[in-house]
Amino acid sequence: MIEPVDSLEITVIVDNVTDNLSSNPKYVETEAAGAWRRGMKWLGGKCLCCAAHGLSCLITARIGDTSHSLLFDTGPDEWVFERNVVRLGLDLGTIGAMMLSHGHWDHAAAMPRALQMITLANGGKPVPTYMHPEMFASRAIMNSVGRMLPVEDIPSQQMLAGNGAQLIVTRDEQSVLSNSFYLSGEIPRVTSFERGMPGQHRLGANGKWELDELLADERFVAVHIANKGLFVFTACSHAGLINVLTHAGSRFPDVPIYGVLGGFHLSGTTEGIIPDTVEALEHFNLGLIAAAHCTGWRAIGALATRFKDRVVPSAVGKRFLL
């Protein structure tokens, strides 16, 4: 279903945190180190990216002299996305496809500007854009006193198409860009402790709010790195990190899972499942756990305590060379 690639490069365009000081393994380049490499004359605020609540990654798979790039989510704000792309010196014209992981504003709001920037850079070619049909419903969170708190809708299909998207709206799994990337279908919920996003609702066809804690529209991306294994991208893990990795393993039973990058959503109302998640994660024997976005500091601490140097937290501007 997917072909092994020789190497994988991941550039974090948007993330909740910025971190140029913590130590990193040799295969990780910080934002500041990348800026020096690209010719920065002196370090200052005008050189650096902006952290924001959300996630966006540029993923490039290389096979011999050929490369394929996928944009995985765009983050919450057009200004943040554009600023960070410019300051990271990224060529968006190389992007062959874009995928939205799920229908939440903090991953989708910058999609129109991202499409404009890609098509400006690629000569006006439409961008295959993979989405789930249930992403577009209005959503809200019910708070502890029963009040419904609506959240921003993601951009509509009409807006995306008008800005250069070639929309592929489907529930089905896909292999894209010469079979270098696997885009999952819906993620089965098999664990007893991962129960979705407590309190989330969606607006039904009858105009009434309906409970929507499972977020069936969430999906992940996977790449098979030759001689290492499967690398999984999970933007928010509303399905549950263990459910995500279990499904990835079931789709590629002969390929070990090497690593995972993304938001693990072990913060706020889901902090209670941190111990179960850490315990279950041991089974996968991962070589890299790149916690990002909505993972939360308590979960990162618990993961680092158990898995030590295998935990390399993500940050805006970081570049992973695998």
Protein backbone atom coordinates (compact mmCIF):
# COMPACT_ATOMS: atom_id res chain seq x y z
CA MET A 1 0.00 0.00 0.00
CA ILE A 2 2.98 2.32 0.57
CA GLU A 3 6.54 2.10 -0.70
CA PRO A 4 9.57 2.46 1.60
CA VAL A 5 11.36 5.79 1.35
CA ASP A 6 15.08 6.36 1.83
CA SER A 7 14.73 9.28 4.22
CA LEU A 8 12.17 11.62 5.77
CA GLU A 9 12.44 15.33 6.53
CA ILE A 10 9.89 16.97 8.81
CA THR A 11 9.70 20.73 9.28
CA VAL A 12 7.38 21.96 12.03
CA ILE A 13 5.74 25.10 10.65
CA VAL A 14 3.28 25.68 13.51
CA ASP A 15 3.32 24.38 17.07
CA ASN A 16 2.31 25.59 20.52
CA VAL A 17 5.85 26.19 21.74
CA THR A 18 9.16 27.66 20.65
CA ASP A 19 12.38 26.15 22.01
CA ASN A 20 15.87 27.01 20.77
CA LEU A 21 17.71 26.17 24.00
CA SER A 22 16.99 22.56 24.91
CA SER A 23 19.46 19.92 23.74
CA ASN A 24 18.46 17.69 20.84
CA PRO A 25 19.77 14.55 19.13
CA LYS A 26 21.93 15.04 16.05
CA TYR A 27 19.05 14.31 13.66
CA VAL A 28 17.08 17.32 14.94
CA GLU A 29 17.85 20.92 13.96
CA THR A 30 16.40 23.78 16.01
CA GLU A 31 14.79 26.82 14.45
CA ALA A 32 17.76 29.05 15.30
CA ALA A 33 20.32 26.54 14.01
CA GLY A 34 18.40 26.38 10.73
CA ALA A 35 18.40 30.17 10.48
CA TRP A 36 22.20 30.27 10.95
CA ARG A 37 22.56 27.56 8.30
CA ARG A 38 20.51 29.62 5.85
CA GLY A 39 22.70 32.69 6.35
CA MET A 40 21.25 34.65 9.27
CA LYS A 41 23.68 37.50 10.12
CA TRP A 42 22.58 38.04 13.72
CA LEU A 43 19.94 36.54 15.98
CA GLY A 44 16.90 38.66 16.71
CA GLY A 45 13.14 38.55 16.96
CA LYS A 46 12.66 39.47 13.32
CA CYS A 47 14.36 36.18 12.36
CA LEU A 48 12.22 33.84 14.43
CA CYS A 49 8.89 32.08 14.05
CA CYS A 50 5.75 32.58 16.09
CA ALA A 51 4.31 29.82 18.26
CA ALA A 52 0.54 29.39 18.22
CA HIS A 53 -2.06 26.93 19.45
CA GLY A 54 -2.16 24.46 16.57
CA LEU A 55 -0.02 22.26 14.37
CA SER A 56 1.33 22.22 10.83
CA CYS A 57 4.13 20.11 9.37
CA LEU A 58 5.81 19.98 5.99
CA ILE A 59 6.74 16.33 5.41
CA THR A 60 9.20 15.45 2.62
CA ALA A 61 9.91 11.83 1.65
CA ARG A 62 12.99 11.11 -0.45
CA ILE A 63 13.59 8.08 -2.68
CA GLY A 64 16.89 8.29 -4.51
CA ASP A 65 16.96 11.61 -6.37
CA THR A 66 13.17 12.00 -6.14
CA SER A 67 11.25 13.73 -3.37
CA HIS A 68 7.57 14.17 -2.52
CA SER A 69 6.18 16.71 -0.05
CA LEU A 70 2.90 16.69 1.87
CA LEU A 71 1.53 19.55 3.96
CA PHE A 72 -0.09 18.08 7.08
CA ASP A 73 -2.47 20.67 8.57
CA THR A 74 -1.89 24.44 8.49
CA GLY A 75 -2.42 25.72 12.03
CA PRO A 76 -4.89 28.27 13.39
CA ASP A 77 -3.99 31.56 11.74
CA GLU A 78 -3.03 32.72 8.24
CA TRP A 79 -0.58 35.35 9.54
CA VAL A 80 1.25 32.81 11.71
CA PHE A 81 1.48 30.29 8.87
CA GLU A 82 2.79 32.83 6.35
CA ARG A 83 5.26 34.40 8.78
CA ASN A 84 6.71 31.03 9.74
CA VAL A 85 6.96 29.74 6.16
CA VAL A 86 8.88 32.88 5.15
CA ARG A 87 11.17 32.80 8.17
CA LEU A 88 11.92 29.11 7.70
CA GLY A 89 12.81 29.70 4.04
CA LEU A 90 10.41 27.01 2.81
CA ASP A 91 9.59 26.44 -0.86
CA LEU A 92 5.89 25.63 -0.89
CA GLY A 93 6.03 25.01 -4.63
CA THR A 94 7.35 21.53 -3.91
CA ILE A 95 4.15 20.49 -2.08
CA GLY A 96 2.31 17.80 -4.02
CA ALA A 97 -0.67 17.40 -1.72
CA MET A 98 -2.25 18.64 1.51
CA MET A 99 -4.18 16.74 4.16
CA LEU A 100 -6.32 18.06 6.99
CA SER A 101 -6.22 15.69 9.97
CA HIS A 102 -9.63 16.63 11.41
CA GLY A 103 -12.17 19.42 11.39
CA HIS A 104 -10.85 21.77 14.07
CA TRP A 105 -9.91 25.42 13.53
CA ASP A 106 -6.48 25.14 15.18
CA HIS A 107 -5.41 22.79 12.38
CA ALA A 108 -7.43 24.22 9.49
CA ALA A 109 -7.93 27.99 9.69
CA ALA A 110 -4.83 28.83 7.62
CA MET A 111 -5.75 26.49 4.77
CA PRO A 112 -6.92 29.21 2.33
CA ARG A 113 -3.68 31.18 2.69
CA ALA A 114 -1.61 28.00 2.49
CA LEU A 115 -3.31 27.11 -0.79
CA GLN A 116 -2.71 30.61 -2.15
CA MET A 117 0.97 30.41 -1.27
CA ILE A 118 1.36 26.93 -2.76
CA THR A 119 -0.33 27.82 -6.05
CA LEU A 120 1.63 31.07 -6.33
CA ALA A 121 4.81 29.03 -5.96
CA ASN A 122 3.86 26.11 -8.24
CA GLY A 123 2.65 28.08 -11.25
CA GLY A 124 -1.06 27.84 -10.47
CA LYS A 125 -1.45 24.07 -10.36
CA PRO A 126 -4.34 22.84 -8.18
CA VAL A 127 -3.37 21.15 -4.92
CA PRO A 128 -4.85 17.70 -4.15
CA THR A 129 -6.41 18.27 -0.71
CA TYR A 130 -7.61 15.27 1.29
CA MET A 131 -10.48 15.72 3.74
CA HIS A 132 -13.15 13.68 5.52
CA PRO A 133 -16.80 14.53 4.75
CA GLU A 134 -17.72 15.09 8.41
CA MET A 135 -15.04 17.75 8.93
CA PHE A 136 -17.24 20.62 7.85
CA ALA A 137 -19.95 20.55 10.54
CA SER A 138 -20.12 23.36 13.10
CA ARG A 139 -18.80 22.27 16.50
CA ALA A 140 -19.02 23.37 20.10
CA ILE A 141 -17.84 22.33 23.55
CA MET A 142 -20.26 21.97 26.47
CA ASN A 143 -18.65 23.36 29.61
CA SER A 144 -19.09 22.10 33.17
CA VAL A 145 -22.28 24.13 33.74
CA GLY A 146 -23.95 22.96 30.53
CA ARG A 147 -23.26 26.03 28.39
CA MET A 148 -22.46 25.37 24.74
CA LEU A 149 -19.32 27.20 23.58
CA PRO A 150 -19.16 27.25 19.73
CA VAL A 151 -15.78 27.13 18.01
CA GLU A 152 -14.73 28.58 14.65
CA ASP A 153 -15.84 26.58 11.60
CA ILE A 154 -13.14 25.28 9.29
CA PRO A 155 -13.01 26.78 5.77
CA SER A 156 -15.79 25.53 3.50
CA GLN A 157 -15.29 23.33 0.46
CA GLN A 158 -16.23 26.29 -1.75
CA MET A 159 -13.60 28.52 -0.14
CA LEU A 160 -10.91 25.88 -0.43
CA ALA A 161 -11.70 25.11 -4.05
CA GLY A 162 -11.69 28.84 -4.83
CA ASN A 163 -8.18 29.10 -3.45
CA GLY A 164 -6.71 26.24 -5.45
CA ALA A 165 -7.71 23.01 -3.73
CA GLN A 166 -8.50 19.92 -5.76
CA LEU A 167 -10.74 18.40 -3.11
CA ILE A 168 -10.73 14.68 -2.39
CA VAL A 169 -13.42 14.27 0.27
CA THR A 170 -13.62 10.66 1.41
CA ARG A 171 -13.76 8.35 4.42
CA ASP A 172 -11.45 5.88 2.69
CA GLU A 173 -7.75 5.34 3.22
CA GLN A 174 -5.44 6.55 0.45
CA SER A 175 -1.87 6.07 -0.74
CA VAL A 176 -0.63 9.27 -2.35
CA LEU A 177 2.39 10.87 -4.02
CA SER A 178 3.77 7.74 -5.69
CA ASN A 179 2.69 5.64 -2.69
CA SER A 180 5.13 7.47 -0.41
CA PHE A 181 2.40 8.51 2.05
CA TYR A 182 -0.44 6.57 3.62
CA LEU A 183 -3.51 8.61 4.63
CA SER A 184 -5.64 6.59 6.99
CA GLY A 185 -9.36 6.05 6.94
CA GLU A 186 -11.44 6.29 10.11
CA ILE A 187 -9.62 5.05 13.22
CA PRO A 188 -11.23 2.15 15.12
CA ARG A 189 -11.67 2.77 18.85
CA VAL A 190 -10.45 -0.36 20.62
CA THR A 191 -8.95 0.73 23.94
CA SER A 192 -11.05 0.98 27.08
CA PHE A 193 -9.58 4.25 28.36
CA GLU A 194 -9.44 6.47 25.23
CA ARG A 195 -12.89 8.03 24.90
CA GLY A 196 -12.46 10.95 22.55
CA MET A 197 -13.00 14.61 23.39
CA PRO A 198 -15.31 15.00 26.39
CA GLY A 199 -18.10 17.52 25.89
CA GLN A 200 -17.70 18.05 22.15
CA HIS A 201 -20.89 18.45 20.08
CA ARG A 202 -21.63 18.99 16.42
CA LEU A 203 -24.56 20.83 14.80
CA GLY A 204 -26.90 18.28 13.26
CA ALA A 205 -29.01 18.60 10.11
CA ASN A 206 -31.99 19.47 12.33
CA GLY A 207 -30.17 22.51 13.71
CA LYS A 208 -29.64 20.97 17.14
CA TRP A 209 -26.39 20.13 18.92
CA GLU A 210 -25.51 16.43 18.94
CA LEU A 211 -22.88 14.72 21.08
CA ASP A 212 -19.73 14.17 18.99
CA GLU A 213 -17.02 13.09 21.40
CA LEU A 214 -15.47 10.45 19.11
CA LEU A 215 -14.53 12.76 16.19
CA ALA A 216 -14.91 10.10 13.52
CA ASP A 217 -13.33 12.45 10.96
CA GLU A 218 -9.87 12.29 12.55
CA ARG A 219 -7.18 10.51 10.51
CA PHE A 220 -3.40 10.07 10.53
CA VAL A 221 -0.53 9.97 8.03
CA ALA A 222 2.16 7.28 7.92
CA VAL A 223 5.44 6.89 6.01
CA HIS A 224 7.61 3.76 5.83
CA ILE A 225 11.26 4.72 6.30
CA ALA A 226 13.49 1.96 4.93
CA ASN A 227 15.56 0.16 7.61
CA LYS A 228 13.71 1.98 10.40
CA GLY A 229 10.01 1.35 10.13
CA LEU A 230 6.71 3.21 10.08
CA PHE A 231 6.59 6.85 11.13
CA VAL A 232 3.15 8.09 12.16
CA PHE A 233 1.81 11.65 12.20
CA THR A 234 -1.18 12.20 14.50
CA ALA A 235 -2.18 15.82 14.74
CA CYS A 236 -4.39 15.74 17.85
CA SER A 237 -5.05 12.10 18.80
CA HIS A 238 -8.68 12.68 19.72
CA ALA A 239 -9.06 9.03 18.72
CA GLY A 240 -6.41 8.21 21.33
CA LEU A 241 -2.69 7.78 20.71
CA ILE A 242 -2.85 4.06 21.40
CA ASN A 243 -5.82 3.60 19.05
CA VAL A 244 -3.88 5.49 16.36
CA LEU A 245 -0.75 3.37 16.72
CA THR A 246 -2.76 0.15 17.01
CA HIS A 247 -4.55 0.89 13.75
CA ALA A 248 -1.29 1.86 12.02
CA GLY A 249 0.20 -1.44 13.15
CA SER A 250 -2.81 -3.39 11.89
CA ARG A 251 -2.61 -1.77 8.45
CA PHE A 252 1.13 -2.61 8.14
CA PRO A 253 1.63 -5.71 10.29
CA ASP A 254 5.02 -6.54 8.77
CA VAL A 255 6.52 -3.09 9.43
CA PRO A 256 7.57 -2.07 12.97
CA ILE A 257 6.47 1.38 14.11
CA TYR A 258 9.61 3.47 14.47
CA GLY A 259 8.19 6.74 15.72
CA VAL A 260 5.31 9.18 16.11
CA LEU A 261 4.97 12.96 15.93
CA GLY A 262 1.93 14.96 16.86
CA GLY A 263 -0.42 16.19 19.52
CA PHE A 264 -1.33 13.37 21.89
CA HIS A 265 -4.18 15.28 23.60
CA LEU A 266 -3.25 14.27 27.12
CA SER A 267 -4.00 17.68 28.60
CA GLY A 268 -7.04 19.21 30.25
CA THR A 269 -9.95 16.80 30.62
CA THR A 270 -7.88 13.86 29.32
CA GLU A 271 -4.97 14.14 31.76
CA GLY A 272 -6.46 11.24 33.71
CA ILE A 273 -5.47 8.74 31.01
CA ILE A 274 -1.77 9.68 31.03
CA PRO A 275 -0.72 6.62 33.11
CA ASP A 276 -2.70 4.19 30.92
CA THR A 277 -1.30 5.76 27.75
CA VAL A 278 2.30 5.64 28.95
CA GLU A 279 1.90 2.03 30.02
CA ALA A 280 0.31 0.97 26.72
CA LEU A 281 2.92 2.86 24.69
CA GLU A 282 5.62 0.54 26.03
CA HIS A 283 4.23 -2.22 23.80
CA PHE A 284 5.24 -0.36 20.60
CA ASN A 285 8.93 0.02 21.48
CA LEU A 286 9.18 3.34 19.62
CA GLY A 287 12.53 4.86 18.74
CA LEU A 288 11.19 8.45 18.63
CA ILE A 289 8.28 10.09 20.44
CA ALA A 290 7.95 13.69 19.22
CA ALA A 291 5.24 15.12 21.44
CA ALA A 292 3.66 18.30 20.06
CA HIS A 293 0.76 20.76 20.26
CA CYS A 294 -1.92 19.50 22.68
CA THR A 295 0.11 16.81 24.47
CA GLY A 296 0.50 18.89 27.63
CA TRP A 297 3.46 19.35 29.97
CA ARG A 298 2.30 16.73 32.47
CA ALA A 299 2.16 14.08 29.75
CA ILE A 300 5.53 15.11 28.29
CA GLY A 301 7.02 14.77 31.78
CA ALA A 302 5.53 11.32 32.25
CA LEU A 303 6.68 10.20 28.80
CA ALA A 304 10.21 11.50 29.37
CA THR A 305 10.38 9.76 32.74
CA ARG A 306 9.48 6.41 31.17
CA PHE A 307 11.11 6.65 27.72
CA LYS A 308 14.04 8.98 28.46
CA ASP A 309 15.94 10.19 25.35
CA ARG A 310 13.43 8.61 22.98
CA VAL A 311 11.18 11.59 23.80
CA VAL A 312 12.12 14.62 21.68
CA PRO A 313 9.39 17.27 22.07
CA SER A 314 8.41 19.15 18.95
CA ALA A 315 8.67 22.95 18.68
CA VAL A 316 7.99 25.49 15.96
CA GLY A 317 10.80 25.60 13.41
CA LYS A 318 12.35 22.27 14.35
CA ARG A 319 13.57 20.06 11.52
CA PHE A 320 13.74 16.28 11.96
CA LEU A 321 16.01 14.41 9.51
CA LEU A 322 15.21 10.70 9.69
